[in-house]
Amino acid sequence: MHLLRKYLTFNVYGVVSPNGGQEIYGFNNNPLSTTNDHGGAWIQCITFQIGYDSSHYGTLAGNTMTNNWSEAIDLDGDRVVDAWAHSWVYEAPSTGGQFVGTVYSINIPTQWTAWINVR
C-alpha cells in the first residue's frame, strides 16, 4: 500500500491518565466519549492516521497539547511508511473536556479532525 493517496484516515486511538487509566479504541473505532473518568496531573490522547500530513495539532478543552512523540508505521511490511501515531499530552491538572486532533493533508488542502469527549 503506497501512500500516494489523496486522502487521510484519522481517529482517536486511545486516552490515558493517572485517574482513568488506559483506554485503547484501536484503529477503526472512535467512540463519542471515554468510559473512564480521566483527569489528574496529566492527560494523554493518541491519534492514528493513515496517510501523510503537513501539520497536526491536539487540543483538550480548547487548550493546546504537546506532541510528545510520533511514530511512523509500516502497515504491510514493504518498508514504506503508511501510517502515523501521534501522542498528545496536556501536562496540567485537568478534569477532562473535548479532545480534538487536527491534521492537514500534505496532498490536498484539506483538514481532518477526530475528537472524543474525555470524562
PDB file of N, CA and C in Angstrom:
ATOM      1  N   MET A   1       0.847  -1.158   0.000  1.00  0.00           N
ATOM      2  CA  MET A   1       0.000   0.000   0.000  1.00  0.00           C
ATOM      3  C   MET A   1       0.896   1.225   0.000  1.00  0.00           C
ATOM      4  N   HIS A   2       1.133   1.802  -1.133  1.00  0.00           N
ATOM      5  CA  HIS A   2       1.922   3.029  -1.198  1.00  0.00           C
ATOM      6  C   HIS A   2       1.009   4.214  -0.952  1.00  0.00           C
ATOM      7  N   LEU A   3       1.518   5.156  -0.212  1.00  0.00           N
ATOM      8  CA  LEU A   3       0.684   6.249   0.230  1.00  0.00           C
ATOM      9  C   LEU A   3       0.772   7.452  -0.679  1.00  0.00           C
ATOM     10  N   LEU A   4       0.494   7.259  -1.903  1.00  0.00           N
ATOM     11  CA  LEU A   4       0.360   8.384  -2.813  1.00  0.00           C
ATOM     12  C   LEU A   4      -1.127   8.676  -2.918  1.00  0.00           C
ATOM     13  N   ARG A   5      -1.850   8.396  -1.843  1.00  0.00           N
ATOM     14  CA  ARG A   5      -3.282   8.612  -1.781  1.00  0.00           C
ATOM     15  C   ARG A   5      -3.575  10.096  -1.659  1.00  0.00           C
ATOM     16  N   LYS A   6      -4.778  10.439  -1.937  1.00  0.00           N
ATOM     17  CA  LYS A   6      -5.184  11.830  -1.820  1.00  0.00           C
ATOM     18  C   LYS A   6      -6.107  12.031  -0.632  1.00  0.00           C
ATOM     19  N   TYR A   7      -6.097  11.092   0.299  1.00  0.00           N
ATOM     20  CA  TYR A   7      -6.952  11.238   1.461  1.00  0.00           C
ATOM     21  C   TYR A   7      -6.268  10.656   2.686  1.00  0.00           C
ATOM     22  N   LEU A   8      -6.820  10.985   3.820  1.00  0.00           N
ATOM     23  CA  LEU A   8      -6.329  10.506   5.103  1.00  0.00           C
ATOM     24  C   LEU A   8      -7.437   9.737   5.813  1.00  0.00           C
ATOM     25  N   THR A   9      -7.043   8.798   6.641  1.00  0.00           N
ATOM     26  CA  THR A   9      -7.932   8.183   7.610  1.00  0.00           C
ATOM     27  C   THR A   9      -7.404   8.600   8.964  1.00  0.00           C
ATOM     28  N   PHE A  10      -8.258   9.081   9.848  1.00  0.00           N
ATOM     29  CA  PHE A  10      -7.795   9.701  11.082  1.00  0.00           C
ATOM     30  C   PHE A  10      -8.763   9.400  12.213  1.00  0.00           C
ATOM     31  N   ASN A  11      -8.251   8.915  13.357  1.00  0.00           N
ATOM     32  CA  ASN A  11      -9.114   8.680  14.505  1.00  0.00           C
ATOM     33  C   ASN A  11      -8.341   8.776  15.819  1.00  0.00           C
ATOM     34  N   VAL A  12      -9.098   8.829  16.918  1.00  0.00           N
ATOM     35  CA  VAL A  12      -8.510   8.789  18.256  1.00  0.00           C
ATOM     36  C   VAL A  12      -8.237   7.322  18.570  1.00  0.00           C
ATOM     37  N   TYR A  13      -6.986   6.998  18.874  1.00  0.00           N
ATOM     38  CA  TYR A  13      -6.587   5.615  19.154  1.00  0.00           C
ATOM     39  C   TYR A  13      -6.748   5.260  20.630  1.00  0.00           C
ATOM     40  N   GLY A  14      -6.459   6.219  21.523  1.00  0.00           N
ATOM     41  CA  GLY A  14      -6.565   5.922  22.944  1.00  0.00           C
ATOM     42  C   GLY A  14      -6.459   7.165  23.804  1.00  0.00           C
ATOM     43  N   VAL A  15      -6.855   7.011  25.073  1.00  0.00           N
ATOM     44  CA  VAL A  15      -6.761   8.072  26.078  1.00  0.00           C
ATOM     45  C   VAL A  15      -6.177   7.450  27.341  1.00  0.00           C
ATOM     46  N   VAL A  16      -5.236   8.180  27.972  1.00  0.00           N
ATOM     47  CA  VAL A  16      -4.557   7.691  29.171  1.00  0.00           C
ATOM     48  C   VAL A  16      -4.469   8.828  30.178  1.00  0.00           C
ATOM     49  N   SER A  17      -4.664   8.507  31.467  1.00  0.00           N
ATOM     50  CA  SER A  17      -4.480   9.492  32.530  1.00  0.00           C
ATOM     51  C   SER A  17      -4.244   8.757  33.845  1.00  0.00           C
ATOM     52  N   PRO A  18      -3.716   9.465  34.855  1.00  0.00           N
ATOM     53  CA  PRO A  18      -3.482   8.812  36.143  1.00  0.00           C
ATOM     54  C   PRO A  18      -4.775   8.334  36.807  1.00  0.00           C
ATOM     55  N   ASN A  19      -5.856   9.088  36.668  1.00  0.00           N
ATOM     56  CA  ASN A  19      -7.108   8.721  37.328  1.00  0.00           C
ATOM     57  C   ASN A  19      -7.931   7.719  36.529  1.00  0.00           C
ATOM     58  N   GLY A  20      -7.891   7.808  35.214  1.00  0.00           N
ATOM     59  CA  GLY A  20      -8.746   6.969  34.367  1.00  0.00           C
ATOM     60  C   GLY A  20      -8.059   5.759  33.784  1.00  0.00           C
ATOM     61  N   GLY A  21      -6.747   5.656  33.967  1.00  0.00           N
ATOM     62  CA  GLY A  21      -6.031   4.525  33.383  1.00  0.00           C
ATOM     63  C   GLY A  21      -5.913   4.652  31.877  1.00  0.00           C
ATOM     64  N   GLN A  22      -5.903   3.512  31.225  1.00  0.00           N
ATOM     65  CA  GLN A  22      -5.672   3.457  29.775  1.00  0.00           C
ATOM     66  C   GLN A  22      -6.902   2.903  29.071  1.00  0.00           C
ATOM     67  N   GLU A  23      -7.393   3.651  28.097  1.00  0.00           N
ATOM     68  CA  GLU A  23      -8.474   3.175  27.235  1.00  0.00           C
ATOM     69  C   GLU A  23      -7.961   3.163  25.803  1.00  0.00           C
ATOM     70  N   ILE A  24      -7.946   2.001  25.176  1.00  0.00           N
ATOM     71  CA  ILE A  24      -7.483   1.862  23.798  1.00  0.00           C
ATOM     72  C   ILE A  24      -8.690   1.540  22.928  1.00  0.00           C
ATOM     73  N   TYR A  25      -8.902   2.339  21.891  1.00  0.00           N
ATOM     74  CA  TYR A  25     -10.047   2.172  20.996  1.00  0.00           C
ATOM     75  C   TYR A  25      -9.658   1.492  19.686  1.00  0.00           C
ATOM     76  N   GLY A  26      -8.388   1.535  19.345  1.00  0.00           N
ATOM     77  CA  GLY A  26      -7.925   0.871  18.141  1.00  0.00           C
ATOM     78  C   GLY A  26      -7.928   1.772  16.914  1.00  0.00           C
ATOM     79  N   PHE A  27      -7.737   1.144  15.775  1.00  0.00           N
ATOM     80  CA  PHE A  27      -7.538   1.853  14.524  1.00  0.00           C
ATOM     81  C   PHE A  27      -8.837   2.301  13.859  1.00  0.00           C
ATOM     82  N   ASN A  28      -9.923   1.589  14.096  1.00  0.00           N
ATOM     83  CA  ASN A  28     -11.153   1.853  13.344  1.00  0.00           C
ATOM     84  C   ASN A  28     -12.343   2.231  14.211  1.00  0.00           C
ATOM     85  N   ASN A  29     -12.132   2.422  15.494  1.00  0.00           N
ATOM     86  CA  ASN A  29     -13.231   2.722  16.401  1.00  0.00           C
ATOM     87  C   ASN A  29     -12.955   4.058  17.070  1.00  0.00           C
ATOM     88  N   ASN A  30     -13.913   4.950  17.079  1.00  0.00           N
ATOM     89  CA  ASN A  30     -13.736   6.245  17.722  1.00  0.00           C
ATOM     90  C   ASN A  30     -15.031   6.590  18.461  1.00  0.00           C
ATOM     91  N   PRO A  31     -15.153   6.159  19.739  1.00  0.00           N
ATOM     92  CA  PRO A  31     -16.379   6.446  20.479  1.00  0.00           C
ATOM     93  C   PRO A  31     -16.554   7.937  20.743  1.00  0.00           C
ATOM     94  N   LEU A  32     -17.756   8.325  21.112  1.00  0.00           N
ATOM     95  CA  LEU A  32     -18.047   9.732  21.384  1.00  0.00           C
ATOM     96  C   LEU A  32     -17.467  10.204  22.712  1.00  0.00           C
ATOM     97  N   SER A  33     -17.314   9.271  23.665  1.00  0.00           N
ATOM     98  CA  SER A  33     -16.863   9.646  24.998  1.00  0.00           C
ATOM     99  C   SER A  33     -16.034   8.521  25.607  1.00  0.00           C
ATOM    100  N   THR A  34     -15.135   8.892  26.507  1.00  0.00           N
ATOM    101  CA  THR A  34     -14.393   7.876  27.245  1.00  0.00           C
ATOM    102  C   THR A  34     -15.341   7.176  28.213  1.00  0.00           C
ATOM    103  N   THR A  35     -15.028   5.950  28.556  1.00  0.00           N
ATOM    104  CA  THR A  35     -15.794   5.208  29.542  1.00  0.00           C
ATOM    105  C   THR A  35     -15.341   5.595  30.943  1.00  0.00           C
ATOM    106  N   ASN A  36     -14.029   5.692  31.128  1.00  0.00           N
ATOM    107  CA  ASN A  36     -13.451   6.009  32.433  1.00  0.00           C
ATOM    108  C   ASN A  36     -13.452   7.510  32.687  1.00  0.00           C
ATOM    109  N   ASP A  37     -13.416   7.863  33.960  1.00  0.00           N
ATOM    110  CA  ASP A  37     -13.342   9.260  34.380  1.00  0.00           C
ATOM    111  C   ASP A  37     -11.867   9.653  34.428  1.00  0.00           C
ATOM    112  N   HIS A  38     -11.405  10.338  33.411  1.00  0.00           N
ATOM    113  CA  HIS A  38      -9.996  10.723  33.312  1.00  0.00           C
ATOM    114  C   HIS A  38      -9.765  12.045  34.021  1.00  0.00           C
ATOM    115  N   GLY A  39      -8.547  12.312  34.266  1.00  0.00           N
ATOM    116  CA  GLY A  39      -8.177  13.547  34.941  1.00  0.00           C
ATOM    117  C   GLY A  39      -6.915  13.313  35.736  1.00  0.00           C
ATOM    118  N   GLY A  40      -6.578  14.271  36.543  1.00  0.00           N
ATOM    119  CA  GLY A  40      -5.369  14.162  37.344  1.00  0.00           C
ATOM    120  C   GLY A  40      -4.335  15.159  36.886  1.00  0.00           C
ATOM    121  N   ALA A  41      -3.079  14.818  37.100  1.00  0.00           N
ATOM    122  CA  ALA A  41      -1.975  15.729  36.822  1.00  0.00           C
ATOM    123  C   ALA A  41      -1.699  15.881  35.326  1.00  0.00           C
ATOM    124  N   TRP A  42      -2.152  14.929  34.488  1.00  0.00           N
ATOM    125  CA  TRP A  42      -1.917  14.994  33.043  1.00  0.00           C
ATOM    126  C   TRP A  42      -2.936  14.111  32.328  1.00  0.00           C
ATOM    127  N   ILE A  43      -3.132  14.376  31.055  1.00  0.00           N
ATOM    128  CA  ILE A  43      -3.960  13.542  30.183  1.00  0.00           C
ATOM    129  C   ILE A  43      -3.229  13.373  28.858  1.00  0.00           C
ATOM    130  N   GLN A  44      -3.200  12.145  28.354  1.00  0.00           N
ATOM    131  CA  GLN A  44      -2.572  11.831  27.069  1.00  0.00           C
ATOM    132  C   GLN A  44      -3.637  11.292  26.128  1.00  0.00           C
ATOM    133  N   CYS A  45      -3.653  11.802  24.902  1.00  0.00           N
ATOM    134  CA  CYS A  45      -4.530  11.301  23.849  1.00  0.00           C
ATOM    135  C   CYS A  45      -3.653  10.895  22.672  1.00  0.00           C
ATOM    136  N   ILE A  46      -3.958   9.764  22.070  1.00  0.00           N
ATOM    137  CA  ILE A  46      -3.164   9.258  20.955  1.00  0.00           C
ATOM    138  C   ILE A  46      -4.043   9.192  19.722  1.00  0.00           C
ATOM    139  N   THR A  47      -3.542   9.755  18.625  1.00  0.00           N
ATOM    140  CA  THR A  47      -4.270   9.698  17.361  1.00  0.00           C
ATOM    141  C   THR A  47      -3.556   8.739  16.416  1.00  0.00           C
ATOM    142  N   PHE A  48      -4.312   8.192  15.477  1.00  0.00           N
ATOM    143  CA  PHE A  48      -3.789   7.284  14.462  1.00  0.00           C
ATOM    144  C   PHE A  48      -4.267   7.780  13.111  1.00  0.00           C
ATOM    145  N   GLN A  49      -3.349   7.834  12.156  1.00  0.00           N
ATOM    146  CA  GLN A  49      -3.741   8.255  10.810  1.00  0.00           C
ATOM    147  C   GLN A  49      -3.065   7.398   9.768  1.00  0.00           C
ATOM    148  N   ILE A  50      -3.798   7.132   8.708  1.00  0.00           N
ATOM    149  CA  ILE A  50      -3.230   6.509   7.525  1.00  0.00           C
ATOM    150  C   ILE A  50      -3.092   7.629   6.513  1.00  0.00           C
ATOM    151  N   GLY A  51      -1.890   7.864   6.044  1.00  0.00           N
ATOM    152  CA  GLY A  51      -1.628   8.948   5.113  1.00  0.00           C
ATOM    153  C   GLY A  51      -0.687   9.963   5.729  1.00  0.00           C
ATOM    154  N   TYR A  52      -0.212  10.858   4.905  1.00  0.00           N
ATOM    155  CA  TYR A  52       0.746  11.870   5.337  1.00  0.00           C
ATOM    156  C   TYR A  52       0.048  13.192   5.601  1.00  0.00           C
ATOM    157  N   ASP A  53       0.629  13.957   6.514  1.00  0.00           N
ATOM    158  CA  ASP A  53       0.095  15.276   6.776  1.00  0.00           C
ATOM    159  C   ASP A  53       1.188  16.319   6.656  1.00  0.00           C
ATOM    160  N   SER A  54       0.761  17.561   6.516  1.00  0.00           N
ATOM    161  CA  SER A  54       1.725  18.662   6.500  1.00  0.00           C
ATOM    162  C   SER A  54       1.865  19.265   7.887  1.00  0.00           C
ATOM    163  N   SER A  55       0.823  19.114   8.725  1.00  0.00           N
ATOM    164  CA  SER A  55       0.890  19.570  10.109  1.00  0.00           C
ATOM    165  C   SER A  55      -0.226  18.902  10.901  1.00  0.00           C
ATOM    166  N   HIS A  56      -0.043  18.823  12.215  1.00  0.00           N
ATOM    167  CA  HIS A  56      -1.031  18.195  13.083  1.00  0.00           C
ATOM    168  C   HIS A  56      -1.024  18.884  14.445  1.00  0.00           C
ATOM    169  N   TYR A  57      -2.203  18.890  15.082  1.00  0.00           N
ATOM    170  CA  TYR A  57      -2.394  19.606  16.345  1.00  0.00           C
ATOM    171  C   TYR A  57      -3.328  18.817  17.244  1.00  0.00           C
ATOM    172  N   GLY A  58      -3.220  19.055  18.544  1.00  0.00           N
ATOM    173  CA  GLY A  58      -4.134  18.461  19.509  1.00  0.00           C
ATOM    174  C   GLY A  58      -4.508  19.487  20.558  1.00  0.00           C
ATOM    175  N   THR A  59      -5.792  19.505  20.930  1.00  0.00           N
ATOM    176  CA  THR A  59      -6.253  20.391  21.995  1.00  0.00           C
ATOM    177  C   THR A  59      -7.142  19.599  22.948  1.00  0.00           C
ATOM    178  N   LEU A  60      -7.170  20.024  24.204  1.00  0.00           N
ATOM    179  CA  LEU A  60      -8.071  19.469  25.202  1.00  0.00           C
ATOM    180  C   LEU A  60      -8.811  20.632  25.835  1.00  0.00           C
ATOM    181  N   ALA A  61     -10.125  20.642  25.695  1.00  0.00           N
ATOM    182  CA  ALA A  61     -10.966  21.732  26.211  1.00  0.00           C
ATOM    183  C   ALA A  61     -10.445  23.082  25.716  1.00  0.00           C
ATOM    184  N   GLY A  62      -9.988  23.123  24.460  1.00  0.00           N
ATOM    185  CA  GLY A  62      -9.501  24.362  23.865  1.00  0.00           C
ATOM    186  C   GLY A  62      -8.057  24.702  24.199  1.00  0.00           C
ATOM    187  N   ASN A  63      -7.416  23.921  25.065  1.00  0.00           N
ATOM    188  CA  ASN A  63      -6.018  24.158  25.442  1.00  0.00           C
ATOM    189  C   ASN A  63      -5.081  23.368  24.540  1.00  0.00           C
ATOM    190  N   THR A  64      -4.037  24.020  24.065  1.00  0.00           N
ATOM    191  CA  THR A  64      -3.062  23.360  23.201  1.00  0.00           C
ATOM    192  C   THR A  64      -2.342  22.254  23.960  1.00  0.00           C
ATOM    193  N   MET A  65      -2.222  21.097  23.323  1.00  0.00           N
ATOM    194  CA  MET A  65      -1.499  19.967  23.906  1.00  0.00           C
ATOM    195  C   MET A  65      -0.140  19.854  23.238  1.00  0.00           C
ATOM    196  N   THR A  66       0.794  19.199  23.911  1.00  0.00           N
ATOM    197  CA  THR A  66       2.144  18.992  23.391  1.00  0.00           C
ATOM    198  C   THR A  66       2.214  17.662  22.658  1.00  0.00           C
ATOM    199  N   ASN A  67       2.762  17.681  21.440  1.00  0.00           N
ATOM    200  CA  ASN A  67       3.011  16.444  20.688  1.00  0.00           C
ATOM    201  C   ASN A  67       4.333  15.885  21.203  1.00  0.00           C
ATOM    202  N   ASN A  68       4.272  14.949  22.172  1.00  0.00           N
ATOM    203  CA  ASN A  68       5.494  14.470  22.812  1.00  0.00           C
ATOM    204  C   ASN A  68       6.153  13.306  22.092  1.00  0.00           C
ATOM    205  N   TRP A  69       5.460  12.620  21.193  1.00  0.00           N
ATOM    206  CA  TRP A  69       6.103  11.636  20.317  1.00  0.00           C
ATOM    207  C   TRP A  69       5.195  11.331  19.131  1.00  0.00           C
ATOM    208  N   SER A  70       5.845  10.908  18.064  1.00  0.00           N
ATOM    209  CA  SER A  70       5.164  10.445  16.860  1.00  0.00           C
ATOM    210  C   SER A  70       5.879   9.194  16.386  1.00  0.00           C
ATOM    211  N   GLU A  71       5.131   8.262  15.850  1.00  0.00           N
ATOM    212  CA  GLU A  71       5.728   7.014  15.379  1.00  0.00           C
ATOM    213  C   GLU A  71       5.258   6.701  13.964  1.00  0.00           C
ATOM    214  N   ALA A  72       6.225   6.463  13.079  1.00  0.00           N
ATOM    215  CA  ALA A  72       5.919   6.041  11.713  1.00  0.00           C
ATOM    216  C   ALA A  72       5.594   4.547  11.737  1.00  0.00           C
ATOM    217  N   ILE A  73       4.592   4.136  10.959  1.00  0.00           N
ATOM    218  CA  ILE A  73       4.147   2.744  10.964  1.00  0.00           C
ATOM    219  C   ILE A  73       4.092   2.211   9.541  1.00  0.00           C
ATOM    220  N   ASP A  74       4.719   1.051   9.335  1.00  0.00           N
ATOM    221  CA  ASP A  74       4.649   0.323   8.067  1.00  0.00           C
ATOM    222  C   ASP A  74       3.595  -0.762   8.254  1.00  0.00           C
ATOM    223  N   LEU A  75       2.428  -0.581   7.695  1.00  0.00           N
ATOM    224  CA  LEU A  75       1.311  -1.498   7.929  1.00  0.00           C
ATOM    225  C   LEU A  75       1.440  -2.836   7.211  1.00  0.00           C
ATOM    226  N   ASP A  76       2.147  -2.883   6.095  1.00  0.00           N
ATOM    227  CA  ASP A  76       2.167  -4.111   5.314  1.00  0.00           C
ATOM    228  C   ASP A  76       3.564  -4.686   5.078  1.00  0.00           C
ATOM    229  N   GLY A  77       4.566  -4.203   5.797  1.00  0.00           N
ATOM    230  CA  GLY A  77       5.900  -4.790   5.735  1.00  0.00           C
ATOM    231  C   GLY A  77       6.683  -4.510   4.467  1.00  0.00           C
ATOM    232  N   ASP A  78       6.309  -3.488   3.698  1.00  0.00           N
ATOM    233  CA  ASP A  78       7.024  -3.204   2.451  1.00  0.00           C
ATOM    234  C   ASP A  78       8.067  -2.092   2.610  1.00  0.00           C
ATOM    235  N   ARG A  79       8.369  -1.724   3.845  1.00  0.00           N
ATOM    236  CA  ARG A  79       9.348  -0.685   4.175  1.00  0.00           C
ATOM    237  C   ARG A  79       8.941   0.715   3.727  1.00  0.00           C
ATOM    238  N   VAL A  80       7.656   0.899   3.515  1.00  0.00           N
ATOM    239  CA  VAL A  80       7.113   2.211   3.183  1.00  0.00           C
ATOM    240  C   VAL A  80       6.204   2.630   4.342  1.00  0.00           C
ATOM    241  N   VAL A  81       6.394   3.826   4.848  1.00  0.00           N
ATOM    242  CA  VAL A  81       5.551   4.324   5.931  1.00  0.00           C
ATOM    243  C   VAL A  81       4.139   4.562   5.396  1.00  0.00           C
ATOM    244  N   ASP A  82       3.172   3.890   6.021  1.00  0.00           N
ATOM    245  CA  ASP A  82       1.774   4.004   5.609  1.00  0.00           C
ATOM    246  C   ASP A  82       0.950   4.836   6.573  1.00  0.00           C
ATOM    247  N   ALA A  83       1.378   4.873   7.839  1.00  0.00           N
ATOM    248  CA  ALA A  83       0.545   5.474   8.873  1.00  0.00           C
ATOM    249  C   ALA A  83       1.420   6.128   9.945  1.00  0.00           C
ATOM    250  N   TRP A  84       0.761   6.890  10.813  1.00  0.00           N
ATOM    251  CA  TRP A  84       1.451   7.575  11.912  1.00  0.00           C
ATOM    252  C   TRP A  84       0.599   7.500  13.165  1.00  0.00           C
ATOM    253  N   ALA A  85       1.255   7.352  14.296  1.00  0.00           N
ATOM    254  CA  ALA A  85       0.614   7.530  15.595  1.00  0.00           C
ATOM    255  C   ALA A  85       1.232   8.784  16.209  1.00  0.00           C
ATOM    256  N   HIS A  86       0.397   9.645  16.776  1.00  0.00           N
ATOM    257  CA  HIS A  86       0.871  10.869  17.432  1.00  0.00           C
ATOM    258  C   HIS A  86       0.328  10.885  18.856  1.00  0.00           C
ATOM    259  N   SER A  87       1.195  11.206  19.801  1.00  0.00           N
ATOM    260  CA  SER A  87       0.796  11.325  21.196  1.00  0.00           C
ATOM    261  C   SER A  87       0.692  12.791  21.571  1.00  0.00           C
ATOM    262  N   TRP A  88      -0.419  13.132  22.236  1.00  0.00           N
ATOM    263  CA  TRP A  88      -0.691  14.494  22.674  1.00  0.00           C
ATOM    264  C   TRP A  88      -0.842  14.491  24.185  1.00  0.00           C
ATOM    265  N   VAL A  89      -0.102  15.357  24.883  1.00  0.00           N
ATOM    266  CA  VAL A  89      -0.140  15.396  26.342  1.00  0.00           C
ATOM    267  C   VAL A  89      -0.521  16.788  26.820  1.00  0.00           C
ATOM    268  N   TYR A  90      -1.440  16.824  27.770  1.00  0.00           N
ATOM    269  CA  TYR A  90      -1.766  18.049  28.483  1.00  0.00           C
ATOM    270  C   TYR A  90      -1.216  17.863  29.888  1.00  0.00           C
ATOM    271  N   GLU A  91      -0.142  18.592  30.215  1.00  0.00           N
ATOM    272  CA  GLU A  91       0.582  18.382  31.464  1.00  0.00           C
ATOM    273  C   GLU A  91       0.229  19.435  32.510  1.00  0.00           C
ATOM    274  N   ALA A  92      -1.033  19.417  32.899  1.00  0.00           N
ATOM    275  CA  ALA A  92      -1.529  20.297  33.953  1.00  0.00           C
ATOM    276  C   ALA A  92      -2.760  19.620  34.544  1.00  0.00           C
ATOM    277  N   PRO A  93      -3.118  19.945  35.776  1.00  0.00           N
ATOM    278  CA  PRO A  93      -4.326  19.341  36.350  1.00  0.00           C
ATOM    279  C   PRO A  93      -5.529  19.583  35.440  1.00  0.00           C
ATOM    280  N   SER A  94      -6.317  18.548  35.238  1.00  0.00           N
ATOM    281  CA  SER A  94      -7.449  18.651  34.330  1.00  0.00           C
ATOM    282  C   SER A  94      -8.560  17.711  34.768  1.00  0.00           C
ATOM    283  N   THR A  95      -9.771  18.097  34.488  1.00  0.00           N
ATOM    284  CA  THR A  95     -10.922  17.224  34.718  1.00  0.00           C
ATOM    285  C   THR A  95     -11.481  16.721  33.386  1.00  0.00           C
ATOM    286  N   GLY A  96     -10.726  16.902  32.316  1.00  0.00           N
ATOM    287  CA  GLY A  96     -11.156  16.418  31.014  1.00  0.00           C
ATOM    288  C   GLY A  96     -11.677  17.535  30.130  1.00  0.00           C
ATOM    289  N   GLY A  97     -12.555  17.169  29.225  1.00  0.00           N
ATOM    290  CA  GLY A  97     -13.076  18.092  28.221  1.00  0.00           C
ATOM    291  C   GLY A  97     -13.014  17.420  26.871  1.00  0.00           C
ATOM    292  N   GLN A  98     -13.291  18.137  25.825  1.00  0.00           N
ATOM    293  CA  GLN A  98     -13.243  17.535  24.491  1.00  0.00           C
ATOM    294  C   GLN A  98     -11.825  17.599  23.934  1.00  0.00           C
ATOM    295  N   PHE A  99     -11.291  16.421  23.579  1.00  0.00           N
ATOM    296  CA  PHE A  99     -10.026  16.355  22.859  1.00  0.00           C
ATOM    297  C   PHE A  99     -10.341  16.450  21.377  1.00  0.00           C
ATOM    298  N   VAL A 100      -9.611  17.313  20.673  1.00  0.00           N
ATOM    299  CA  VAL A 100      -9.743  17.434  19.218  1.00  0.00           C
ATOM    300  C   VAL A 100      -8.362  17.314  18.606  1.00  0.00           C
ATOM    301  N   GLY A 101      -8.187  16.312  17.761  1.00  0.00           N
ATOM    302  CA  GLY A 101      -6.967  16.170  16.975  1.00  0.00           C
ATOM    303  C   GLY A 101      -7.249  16.685  15.577  1.00  0.00           C
ATOM    304  N   THR A 102      -6.318  17.429  15.023  1.00  0.00           N
ATOM    305  CA  THR A 102      -6.491  18.012  13.694  1.00  0.00           C
ATOM    306  C   THR A 102      -5.260  17.731  12.854  1.00  0.00           C
ATOM    307  N   VAL A 103      -5.455  17.307  11.624  1.00  0.00           N
ATOM    308  CA  VAL A 103      -4.352  17.143  10.681  1.00  0.00           C
ATOM    309  C   VAL A 103      -4.712  17.846   9.385  1.00  0.00           C
ATOM    310  N   TYR A 104      -3.692  18.336   8.717  1.00  0.00           N
ATOM    311  CA  TYR A 104      -3.841  18.961   7.406  1.00  0.00           C
ATOM    312  C   TYR A 104      -3.117  18.075   6.405  1.00  0.00           C
ATOM    313  N   SER A 105      -3.820  17.657   5.368  1.00  0.00           N
ATOM    314  CA  SER A 105      -3.261  16.755   4.370  1.00  0.00           C
ATOM    315  C   SER A 105      -2.100  17.395   3.631  1.00  0.00           C
ATOM    316  N   ILE A 106      -1.117  16.578   3.314  1.00  0.00           N
ATOM    317  CA  ILE A 106       0.027  17.054   2.525  1.00  0.00           C
ATOM    318  C   ILE A 106      -0.321  17.091   1.035  1.00  0.00           C
ATOM    319  N   ASN A 107      -1.319  16.295   0.623  1.00  0.00           N
ATOM    320  CA  ASN A 107      -1.638  16.162  -0.797  1.00  0.00           C
ATOM    321  C   ASN A 107      -2.660  17.172  -1.307  1.00  0.00           C
ATOM    322  N   ILE A 108      -3.652  17.446  -0.503  1.00  0.00           N
ATOM    323  CA  ILE A 108      -4.686  18.390  -0.912  1.00  0.00           C
ATOM    324  C   ILE A 108      -4.965  19.313   0.272  1.00  0.00           C
ATOM    325  N   PRO A 109      -5.426  20.524   0.027  1.00  0.00           N
ATOM    326  CA  PRO A 109      -5.648  21.471   1.124  1.00  0.00           C
ATOM    327  C   PRO A 109      -6.916  21.149   1.918  1.00  0.00           C
ATOM    328  N   THR A 110      -6.850  20.073   2.680  1.00  0.00           N
ATOM    329  CA  THR A 110      -7.994  19.623   3.445  1.00  0.00           C
ATOM    330  C   THR A 110      -7.598  19.378   4.889  1.00  0.00           C
ATOM    331  N   GLN A 111      -8.528  19.642   5.788  1.00  0.00           N
ATOM    332  CA  GLN A 111      -8.321  19.434   7.213  1.00  0.00           C
ATOM    333  C   GLN A 111      -9.212  18.288   7.680  1.00  0.00           C
ATOM    334  N   TRP A 112      -8.659  17.389   8.516  1.00  0.00           N
ATOM    335  CA  TRP A 112      -9.433  16.330   9.129  1.00  0.00           C
ATOM    336  C   TRP A 112      -9.367  16.498  10.637  1.00  0.00           C
ATOM    337  N   THR A 113     -10.458  16.174  11.313  1.00  0.00           N
ATOM    338  CA  THR A 113     -10.441  16.196  12.778  1.00  0.00           C
ATOM    339  C   THR A 113     -10.996  14.882  13.301  1.00  0.00           C
ATOM    340  N   ALA A 114     -10.501  14.514  14.463  1.00  0.00           N
ATOM    341  CA  ALA A 114     -11.037  13.399  15.231  1.00  0.00           C
ATOM    342  C   ALA A 114     -11.195  13.921  16.648  1.00  0.00           C
ATOM    343  N   TRP A 115     -12.264  13.527  17.324  1.00  0.00           N
ATOM    344  CA  TRP A 115     -12.496  14.072  18.663  1.00  0.00           C
ATOM    345  C   TRP A 115     -13.108  13.018  19.563  1.00  0.00           C
ATOM    346  N   ILE A 116     -12.990  13.265  20.844  1.00  0.00           N
ATOM    347  CA  ILE A 116     -13.622  12.425  21.861  1.00  0.00           C
ATOM    348  C   ILE A 116     -13.859  13.284  23.089  1.00  0.00           C
ATOM    349  N   ASN A 117     -14.984  13.089  23.739  1.00  0.00           N
ATOM    350  CA  ASN A 117     -15.249  13.776  24.999  1.00  0.00           C
ATOM    351  C   ASN A 117     -14.569  12.990  26.113  1.00  0.00           C
ATOM    352  N   VAL A 118     -13.610  13.621  26.764  1.00  0.00           N
ATOM    353  CA  VAL A 118     -12.850  12.972  27.819  1.00  0.00           C
ATOM    354  C   VAL A 118     -13.535  13.298  29.145  1.00  0.00           C
ATOM    355  N   ARG A 119     -14.050  12.274  29.789  1.00  0.00           N
ATOM    356  CA  ARG A 119     -14.719  12.450  31.081  1.00  0.00           C
ATOM    357  C   ARG A 119     -13.705  12.638  32.178  1.00  0.00           C
TER     358      ARG A 119
END
